[in-house]
Amino acid sequence: MDYSFSPLGDHAVVIEVGQEISEAVQAKVRTISQLLESRPPDWMVEAIPAFTTIAVFYNPLAAQYAAAVAELKELVQQTEEVTALKSRTVEIPVCYGGEFGPDLEFVAAHNGLTPEEVISIHTSGTYSVHMIGFAPGFPFIGGMSEKIAAPRRDSPRLRIPERTVGIAGKQTGVYPIETPGGWQLIGRTPLRLFRPEDEVPSLLRAGDKIVFKKITESEYHAWEGSRDAENP
């Protein structure tokens, strides 16, 4: 079996499906997560997918670690039954540069590119949401071209406006809420990614495909606050 199981505290099991971030490992994470979502054990409280692992939290009054692991081993053997992964593609409009993306020129200069070339590369790919974390609804998005990779800032900003798009290393992401952060900021989307009033507050979830689309500042302001800002 390609999976390993280990305890996390006194009421969770970590299923590790690989040691390197890749599309193949992500597919396994998504498959197991979907199985847990569609066939949750009675004792399961929550399952949280990450880059290479799934943390499965259980009710210790309903099951103990050994029993939970035994049932999870049987479940992961059923992954071959899942032949078609459910995946959504979400288009995220972004107004790049200016006050919305104060680090766009740094990212360009760091890679020997023009700001327009950075935007062209950033909007040319199809990305994958590897996990949600750090802040409510914050998507860690993989698949970005190394041509526009950039290091984190030496000094994190104390306040980054919600919906700002950033780059850190070979990853890109969107700050759903105002928070401190050290990513290089290249633009902002009018979409709300965190909606605490909804039953499922995060617009994005692990496994989603992401496409970024460049919009103008006037389109940003027209979009912001409209119904489209709620429904991509």
C-alpha atoms as a PDB file:
ATOM      1  CA  MET A   1       0.000   0.000   0.000  1.00  0.00           C
ATOM      2  CA  ASP A   2       1.302   3.471  -0.896  1.00  0.00           C
ATOM      3  CA  TYR A   3      -0.255   5.088   2.136  1.00  0.00           C
ATOM      4  CA  SER A   4       0.977   5.589   5.685  1.00  0.00           C
ATOM      5  CA  PHE A   5      -1.032   6.312   8.806  1.00  0.00           C
ATOM      6  CA  SER A   6       0.079   8.184  11.928  1.00  0.00           C
ATOM      7  CA  PRO A   7      -1.595   9.745  14.955  1.00  0.00           C
ATOM      8  CA  LEU A   8      -2.182  13.487  15.228  1.00  0.00           C
ATOM      9  CA  GLY A   9      -2.855  14.307  18.856  1.00  0.00           C
ATOM     10  CA  ASP A  10      -5.365  12.073  20.605  1.00  0.00           C
ATOM     11  CA  HIS A  11      -8.248  12.223  18.136  1.00  0.00           C
ATOM     12  CA  ALA A  12      -6.959  12.384  14.579  1.00  0.00           C
ATOM     13  CA  VAL A  13      -5.254  10.180  11.997  1.00  0.00           C
ATOM     14  CA  VAL A  14      -2.989  11.563   9.291  1.00  0.00           C
ATOM     15  CA  ILE A  15      -3.072   9.666   6.004  1.00  0.00           C
ATOM     16  CA  GLU A  16       0.082  10.398   3.978  1.00  0.00           C
ATOM     17  CA  VAL A  17      -0.251   9.551   0.283  1.00  0.00           C
ATOM     18  CA  GLY A  18       3.135  10.883  -0.912  1.00  0.00           C
ATOM     19  CA  GLN A  19       6.132  12.967   0.090  1.00  0.00           C
ATOM     20  CA  GLU A  20       6.330  15.323  -2.884  1.00  0.00           C
ATOM     21  CA  ILE A  21       3.787  17.832  -4.150  1.00  0.00           C
ATOM     22  CA  SER A  22       2.580  16.654  -7.546  1.00  0.00           C
ATOM     23  CA  GLU A  23      -0.588  16.284  -9.601  1.00  0.00           C
ATOM     24  CA  ALA A  24      -0.560  12.517  -8.990  1.00  0.00           C
ATOM     25  CA  VAL A  25      -0.381  12.938  -5.216  1.00  0.00           C
ATOM     26  CA  GLN A  26      -3.051  15.644  -5.341  1.00  0.00           C
ATOM     27  CA  ALA A  27      -5.332  13.284  -7.283  1.00  0.00           C
ATOM     28  CA  LYS A  28      -4.959  10.674  -4.519  1.00  0.00           C
ATOM     29  CA  VAL A  29      -5.672  13.286  -1.836  1.00  0.00           C
ATOM     30  CA  ARG A  30      -8.805  14.390  -3.666  1.00  0.00           C
ATOM     31  CA  THR A  31      -9.991  10.839  -4.273  1.00  0.00           C
ATOM     32  CA  ILE A  32      -9.683   9.859  -0.612  1.00  0.00           C
ATOM     33  CA  SER A  33     -11.280  13.149   0.458  1.00  0.00           C
ATOM     34  CA  GLN A  34     -14.244  12.502  -1.824  1.00  0.00           C
ATOM     35  CA  LEU A  35     -14.608   8.982  -0.469  1.00  0.00           C
ATOM     36  CA  LEU A  36     -14.608  10.333   3.077  1.00  0.00           C
ATOM     37  CA  GLU A  37     -17.166  12.950   2.076  1.00  0.00           C
ATOM     38  CA  SER A  38     -19.477  10.468   0.363  1.00  0.00           C
ATOM     39  CA  ARG A  39     -18.962   7.574   2.806  1.00  0.00           C
ATOM     40  CA  PRO A  40     -18.011   9.168   6.145  1.00  0.00           C
ATOM     41  CA  PRO A  41     -17.404   6.696   8.992  1.00  0.00           C
ATOM     42  CA  ASP A  42     -19.810   7.143  11.906  1.00  0.00           C
ATOM     43  CA  TRP A  43     -16.988   8.286  14.155  1.00  0.00           C
ATOM     44  CA  MET A  44     -15.534  10.893  11.761  1.00  0.00           C
ATOM     45  CA  VAL A  45     -15.800  14.539  12.784  1.00  0.00           C
ATOM     46  CA  GLU A  46     -13.913  16.211   9.935  1.00  0.00           C
ATOM     47  CA  ALA A  47     -11.406  15.474   7.178  1.00  0.00           C
ATOM     48  CA  ILE A  48      -8.925  18.170   6.151  1.00  0.00           C
ATOM     49  CA  PRO A  49      -6.958  17.654   2.892  1.00  0.00           C
ATOM     50  CA  ALA A  50      -3.539  19.240   2.471  1.00  0.00           C
ATOM     51  CA  PHE A  51      -0.691  19.042  -0.062  1.00  0.00           C
ATOM     52  CA  THR A  52       0.206  15.377   0.514  1.00  0.00           C
ATOM     53  CA  THR A  53      -1.947  14.339   3.462  1.00  0.00           C
ATOM     54  CA  ILE A  54      -5.477  14.130   4.802  1.00  0.00           C
ATOM     55  CA  ALA A  55      -6.048  14.691   8.520  1.00  0.00           C
ATOM     56  CA  VAL A  56      -9.080  12.694   9.663  1.00  0.00           C
ATOM     57  CA  PHE A  57     -10.473  13.830  13.023  1.00  0.00           C
ATOM     58  CA  TYR A  58     -12.579  11.373  14.967  1.00  0.00           C
ATOM     59  CA  ASN A  59     -14.785  11.332  18.038  1.00  0.00           C
ATOM     60  CA  PRO A  60     -12.710   9.493  20.676  1.00  0.00           C
ATOM     61  CA  LEU A  61     -15.916   8.403  22.401  1.00  0.00           C
ATOM     62  CA  ALA A  62     -17.021   6.635  19.203  1.00  0.00           C
ATOM     63  CA  ALA A  63     -13.748   5.084  18.050  1.00  0.00           C
ATOM     64  CA  GLN A  64     -10.152   4.615  19.103  1.00  0.00           C
ATOM     65  CA  TYR A  65      -7.050   5.143  16.997  1.00  0.00           C
ATOM     66  CA  ALA A  66      -6.477   1.509  16.005  1.00  0.00           C
ATOM     67  CA  ALA A  67     -10.099   1.008  14.959  1.00  0.00           C
ATOM     68  CA  ALA A  68     -10.114   4.260  12.985  1.00  0.00           C
ATOM     69  CA  VAL A  69      -6.917   3.291  11.141  1.00  0.00           C
ATOM     70  CA  ALA A  70      -8.286  -0.169  10.338  1.00  0.00           C
ATOM     71  CA  GLU A  71     -11.408   1.343   8.786  1.00  0.00           C
ATOM     72  CA  LEU A  72      -9.423   3.977   6.895  1.00  0.00           C
ATOM     73  CA  LYS A  73      -7.178   1.262   5.425  1.00  0.00           C
ATOM     74  CA  GLU A  74     -10.244  -0.474   4.046  1.00  0.00           C
ATOM     75  CA  LEU A  75     -11.553   2.809   2.665  1.00  0.00           C
ATOM     76  CA  VAL A  76      -8.381   3.797   0.791  1.00  0.00           C
ATOM     77  CA  GLN A  77      -8.401   0.397  -0.904  1.00  0.00           C
ATOM     78  CA  GLN A  78     -11.626   1.502  -2.574  1.00  0.00           C
ATOM     79  CA  THR A  79     -10.012   4.476  -4.315  1.00  0.00           C
ATOM     80  CA  GLU A  80      -9.843   2.584  -7.591  1.00  0.00           C
ATOM     81  CA  GLU A  81     -13.649   2.556  -7.606  1.00  0.00           C
ATOM     82  CA  VAL A  82     -13.609   6.325  -8.011  1.00  0.00           C
ATOM     83  CA  THR A  83     -12.983   6.732 -11.714  1.00  0.00           C
ATOM     84  CA  ALA A  84     -14.166  10.289 -12.281  1.00  0.00           C
ATOM     85  CA  LEU A  85     -13.009  12.977  -9.899  1.00  0.00           C
ATOM     86  CA  LYS A  86     -15.402  15.835  -9.461  1.00  0.00           C
ATOM     87  CA  SER A  87     -13.563  19.050 -10.192  1.00  0.00           C
ATOM     88  CA  ARG A  88     -14.789  22.603 -10.672  1.00  0.00           C
ATOM     89  CA  THR A  89     -13.090  25.320 -12.671  1.00  0.00           C
ATOM     90  CA  VAL A  90     -13.405  28.788 -11.147  1.00  0.00           C
ATOM     91  CA  GLU A  91     -12.408  31.898 -13.091  1.00  0.00           C
ATOM     92  CA  ILE A  92     -10.934  34.629 -10.910  1.00  0.00           C
ATOM     93  CA  PRO A  93     -10.869  38.111 -12.466  1.00  0.00           C
ATOM     94  CA  VAL A  94      -7.859  40.168 -11.368  1.00  0.00           C
ATOM     95  CA  CYS A  95      -6.947  43.825 -11.752  1.00  0.00           C
ATOM     96  CA  TYR A  96      -3.156  43.716 -11.802  1.00  0.00           C
ATOM     97  CA  GLY A  97      -0.621  46.311 -10.621  1.00  0.00           C
ATOM     98  CA  GLY A  98      -1.118  49.826  -9.331  1.00  0.00           C
ATOM     99  CA  GLU A  99      -2.510  50.175  -5.834  1.00  0.00           C
ATOM    100  CA  PHE A 100      -3.975  46.655  -6.125  1.00  0.00           C
ATOM    101  CA  GLY A 101      -0.632  45.004  -6.899  1.00  0.00           C
ATOM    102  CA  PRO A 102       2.205  47.103  -5.486  1.00  0.00           C
ATOM    103  CA  ASP A 103       4.767  44.300  -5.922  1.00  0.00           C
ATOM    104  CA  LEU A 104       4.075  43.561  -9.578  1.00  0.00           C
ATOM    105  CA  GLU A 105       7.112  45.519 -10.728  1.00  0.00           C
ATOM    106  CA  PHE A 106       9.325  43.758  -8.153  1.00  0.00           C
ATOM    107  CA  VAL A 107       8.187  40.342  -9.392  1.00  0.00           C
ATOM    108  CA  ALA A 108       8.891  41.456 -12.964  1.00  0.00           C
ATOM    109  CA  ALA A 109      12.354  42.840 -12.172  1.00  0.00           C
ATOM    110  CA  HIS A 110      13.240  39.774 -10.060  1.00  0.00           C
ATOM    111  CA  ASN A 111      12.608  37.551 -13.084  1.00  0.00           C
ATOM    112  CA  GLY A 112      13.946  39.867 -15.803  1.00  0.00           C
ATOM    113  CA  LEU A 113      10.471  40.431 -17.230  1.00  0.00           C
ATOM    114  CA  THR A 114       8.124  43.328 -17.833  1.00  0.00           C
ATOM    115  CA  PRO A 115       4.975  43.678 -15.687  1.00  0.00           C
ATOM    116  CA  GLU A 116       2.858  42.817 -18.732  1.00  0.00           C
ATOM    117  CA  GLU A 117       4.861  39.630 -19.270  1.00  0.00           C
ATOM    118  CA  VAL A 118       4.247  38.651 -15.637  1.00  0.00           C
ATOM    119  CA  ILE A 119       0.508  39.219 -16.115  1.00  0.00           C
ATOM    120  CA  SER A 120       0.527  37.244 -19.366  1.00  0.00           C
ATOM    121  CA  ILE A 121       2.226  34.281 -17.687  1.00  0.00           C
ATOM    122  CA  HIS A 122       0.023  34.473 -14.579  1.00  0.00           C
ATOM    123  CA  THR A 123      -3.158  34.398 -16.691  1.00  0.00           C
ATOM    124  CA  SER A 124      -1.961  31.707 -19.078  1.00  0.00           C
ATOM    125  CA  GLY A 125      -2.111  28.666 -16.827  1.00  0.00           C
ATOM    126  CA  THR A 126      -4.699  26.445 -15.232  1.00  0.00           C
ATOM    127  CA  TYR A 127      -3.973  26.062 -11.541  1.00  0.00           C
ATOM    128  CA  SER A 128      -5.035  23.666  -8.778  1.00  0.00           C
ATOM    129  CA  VAL A 129      -6.129  24.461  -5.234  1.00  0.00           C
ATOM    130  CA  HIS A 130      -3.944  22.212  -3.077  1.00  0.00           C
ATOM    131  CA  MET A 131      -5.396  23.153   0.291  1.00  0.00           C
ATOM    132  CA  ILE A 132      -7.303  25.778   2.253  1.00  0.00           C
ATOM    133  CA  GLY A 133      -5.500  27.174   5.282  1.00  0.00           C
ATOM    134  CA  PHE A 134      -3.473  29.961   6.964  1.00  0.00           C
ATOM    135  CA  ALA A 135      -6.590  32.188   7.057  1.00  0.00           C
ATOM    136  CA  PRO A 136     -10.304  31.386   6.523  1.00  0.00           C
ATOM    137  CA  GLY A 137     -10.771  30.481   2.873  1.00  0.00           C
ATOM    138  CA  PHE A 138      -7.134  31.116   1.908  1.00  0.00           C
ATOM    139  CA  PRO A 139      -6.318  28.891  -1.101  1.00  0.00           C
ATOM    140  CA  PHE A 140      -2.787  27.582  -1.626  1.00  0.00           C
ATOM    141  CA  ILE A 141      -2.752  27.418  -5.412  1.00  0.00           C
ATOM    142  CA  GLY A 142      -0.149  25.334  -7.237  1.00  0.00           C
ATOM    143  CA  GLY A 143       0.849  25.058 -10.857  1.00  0.00           C
ATOM    144  CA  MET A 144       2.339  28.511 -11.332  1.00  0.00           C
ATOM    145  CA  SER A 145       5.174  28.926 -13.829  1.00  0.00           C
ATOM    146  CA  GLU A 146       8.647  29.197 -12.276  1.00  0.00           C
ATOM    147  CA  LYS A 147       9.212  32.117 -14.674  1.00  0.00           C
ATOM    148  CA  ILE A 148       7.340  34.423 -12.273  1.00  0.00           C
ATOM    149  CA  ALA A 149       8.351  32.848  -8.944  1.00  0.00           C
ATOM    150  CA  ALA A 150       9.446  35.334  -6.285  1.00  0.00           C
ATOM    151  CA  PRO A 151      10.578  35.168  -2.649  1.00  0.00           C
ATOM    152  CA  ARG A 152       8.484  36.313   0.260  1.00  0.00           C
ATOM    153  CA  ARG A 153       9.075  39.848   1.488  1.00  0.00           C
ATOM    154  CA  ASP A 154      11.811  40.310   4.099  1.00  0.00           C
ATOM    155  CA  SER A 155       9.333  42.243   6.250  1.00  0.00           C
ATOM    156  CA  PRO A 156       5.706  41.081   6.095  1.00  0.00           C
ATOM    157  CA  ARG A 157       3.041  43.746   5.738  1.00  0.00           C
ATOM    158  CA  LEU A 158       0.854  44.204   8.805  1.00  0.00           C
ATOM    159  CA  ARG A 159      -2.328  44.654   6.759  1.00  0.00           C
ATOM    160  CA  ILE A 160      -3.107  43.216   3.338  1.00  0.00           C
ATOM    161  CA  PRO A 161      -6.554  44.079   1.927  1.00  0.00           C
ATOM    162  CA  GLU A 162      -8.960  41.211   1.392  1.00  0.00           C
ATOM    163  CA  ARG A 163      -9.063  39.663  -2.109  1.00  0.00           C
ATOM    164  CA  THR A 164      -5.445  40.617  -2.890  1.00  0.00           C
ATOM    165  CA  VAL A 165      -3.587  38.186  -5.162  1.00  0.00           C
ATOM    166  CA  GLY A 166      -0.043  37.284  -4.190  1.00  0.00           C
ATOM    167  CA  ILE A 167       2.977  35.189  -5.113  1.00  0.00           C
ATOM    168  CA  ALA A 168       5.344  33.353  -2.755  1.00  0.00           C
ATOM    169  CA  GLY A 169       7.961  31.043  -4.210  1.00  0.00           C
ATOM    170  CA  LYS A 170       6.305  28.951  -6.917  1.00  0.00           C
ATOM    171  CA  GLN A 171       2.824  29.390  -5.470  1.00  0.00           C
ATOM    172  CA  THR A 172       0.109  31.956  -5.944  1.00  0.00           C
ATOM    173  CA  GLY A 173      -2.859  32.660  -3.703  1.00  0.00           C
ATOM    174  CA  VAL A 174      -5.581  35.117  -2.752  1.00  0.00           C
ATOM    175  CA  TYR A 175      -6.027  36.725   0.674  1.00  0.00           C
ATOM    176  CA  PRO A 176      -9.757  36.228   1.403  1.00  0.00           C
ATOM    177  CA  ILE A 177      -9.692  38.522   4.453  1.00  0.00           C
ATOM    178  CA  GLU A 178      -7.560  41.424   5.631  1.00  0.00           C
ATOM    179  CA  THR A 179      -4.566  39.932   7.388  1.00  0.00           C
ATOM    180  CA  PRO A 180      -0.800  40.346   7.806  1.00  0.00           C
ATOM    181  CA  GLY A 181       1.273  38.574   5.187  1.00  0.00           C
ATOM    182  CA  GLY A 182       4.581  38.384   3.389  1.00  0.00           C
ATOM    183  CA  TRP A 183       3.610  37.397  -0.154  1.00  0.00           C
ATOM    184  CA  GLN A 184       4.425  39.636  -3.113  1.00  0.00           C
ATOM    185  CA  LEU A 185       1.195  41.392  -4.105  1.00  0.00           C
ATOM    186  CA  ILE A 186       0.421  41.577  -7.824  1.00  0.00           C
ATOM    187  CA  GLY A 187      -3.283  42.375  -8.076  1.00  0.00           C
ATOM    188  CA  ARG A 188      -6.759  42.158  -6.556  1.00  0.00           C
ATOM    189  CA  THR A 189      -9.979  40.371  -7.451  1.00  0.00           C
ATOM    190  CA  PRO A 190     -13.509  41.703  -6.889  1.00  0.00           C
ATOM    191  CA  LEU A 191     -14.654  38.183  -5.940  1.00  0.00           C
ATOM    192  CA  ARG A 192     -15.378  37.419  -2.287  1.00  0.00           C
ATOM    193  CA  LEU A 193     -13.597  34.198  -1.408  1.00  0.00           C
ATOM    194  CA  PHE A 194     -14.715  34.069   2.240  1.00  0.00           C
ATOM    195  CA  ARG A 195     -18.456  34.274   2.988  1.00  0.00           C
ATOM    196  CA  PRO A 196     -19.058  33.628   6.692  1.00  0.00           C
ATOM    197  CA  GLU A 197     -22.821  34.014   6.235  1.00  0.00           C
ATOM    198  CA  ASP A 198     -22.932  30.928   3.969  1.00  0.00           C
ATOM    199  CA  GLU A 199     -23.205  27.322   5.151  1.00  0.00           C
ATOM    200  CA  VAL A 200     -19.982  26.627   3.233  1.00  0.00           C
ATOM    201  CA  PRO A 201     -18.063  29.866   3.818  1.00  0.00           C
ATOM    202  CA  SER A 202     -15.092  29.214   1.500  1.00  0.00           C
ATOM    203  CA  LEU A 203     -15.738  29.840  -2.194  1.00  0.00           C
ATOM    204  CA  LEU A 204     -12.861  27.538  -3.119  1.00  0.00           C
ATOM    205  CA  ARG A 205     -12.009  24.047  -1.953  1.00  0.00           C
ATOM    206  CA  ALA A 206      -9.117  21.646  -2.450  1.00  0.00           C
ATOM    207  CA  GLY A 207      -9.138  20.144  -5.927  1.00  0.00           C
ATOM    208  CA  ASP A 208     -10.716  23.133  -7.668  1.00  0.00           C
ATOM    209  CA  LYS A 209      -9.133  24.300 -10.896  1.00  0.00           C
ATOM    210  CA  ILE A 210      -8.385  28.024 -11.117  1.00  0.00           C
ATOM    211  CA  VAL A 211      -8.061  30.315 -14.124  1.00  0.00           C
ATOM    212  CA  PHE A 212      -7.025  33.953 -13.643  1.00  0.00           C
ATOM    213  CA  LYS A 213      -8.413  36.587 -16.025  1.00  0.00           C
ATOM    214  CA  LYS A 214      -7.071  40.123 -16.380  1.00  0.00           C
ATOM    215  CA  ILE A 215      -9.618  42.931 -15.965  1.00  0.00           C
ATOM    216  CA  THR A 216      -9.251  46.711 -16.027  1.00  0.00           C
ATOM    217  CA  GLU A 217      -9.632  48.971 -13.002  1.00  0.00           C
ATOM    218  CA  SER A 218     -12.983  50.251 -14.290  1.00  0.00           C
ATOM    219  CA  GLU A 219     -14.178  46.652 -14.729  1.00  0.00           C
ATOM    220  CA  TYR A 220     -12.983  45.899 -11.198  1.00  0.00           C
ATOM    221  CA  HIS A 221     -15.043  48.725  -9.703  1.00  0.00           C
ATOM    222  CA  ALA A 222     -18.076  47.830 -11.836  1.00  0.00           C
ATOM    223  CA  TRP A 223     -17.798  44.202 -10.738  1.00  0.00           C
ATOM    224  CA  GLU A 224     -17.158  44.890  -7.048  1.00  0.00           C
ATOM    225  CA  GLY A 225     -20.376  44.926  -5.092  1.00  0.00           C
ATOM    226  CA  SER A 226     -22.373  43.513  -7.984  1.00  0.00           C
ATOM    227  CA  ARG A 227     -24.062  40.132  -8.000  1.00  0.00           C
ATOM    228  CA  ASP A 228     -21.164  38.818 -10.077  1.00  0.00           C
ATOM    229  CA  ALA A 229     -18.848  39.428  -7.121  1.00  0.00           C
ATOM    230  CA  GLU A 230     -20.818  36.776  -5.265  1.00  0.00           C
ATOM    231  CA  ASN A 231     -21.256  34.308  -8.119  1.00  0.00           C
ATOM    232  CA  PRO A 232     -18.285  33.681 -10.415  1.00  0.00           C
END
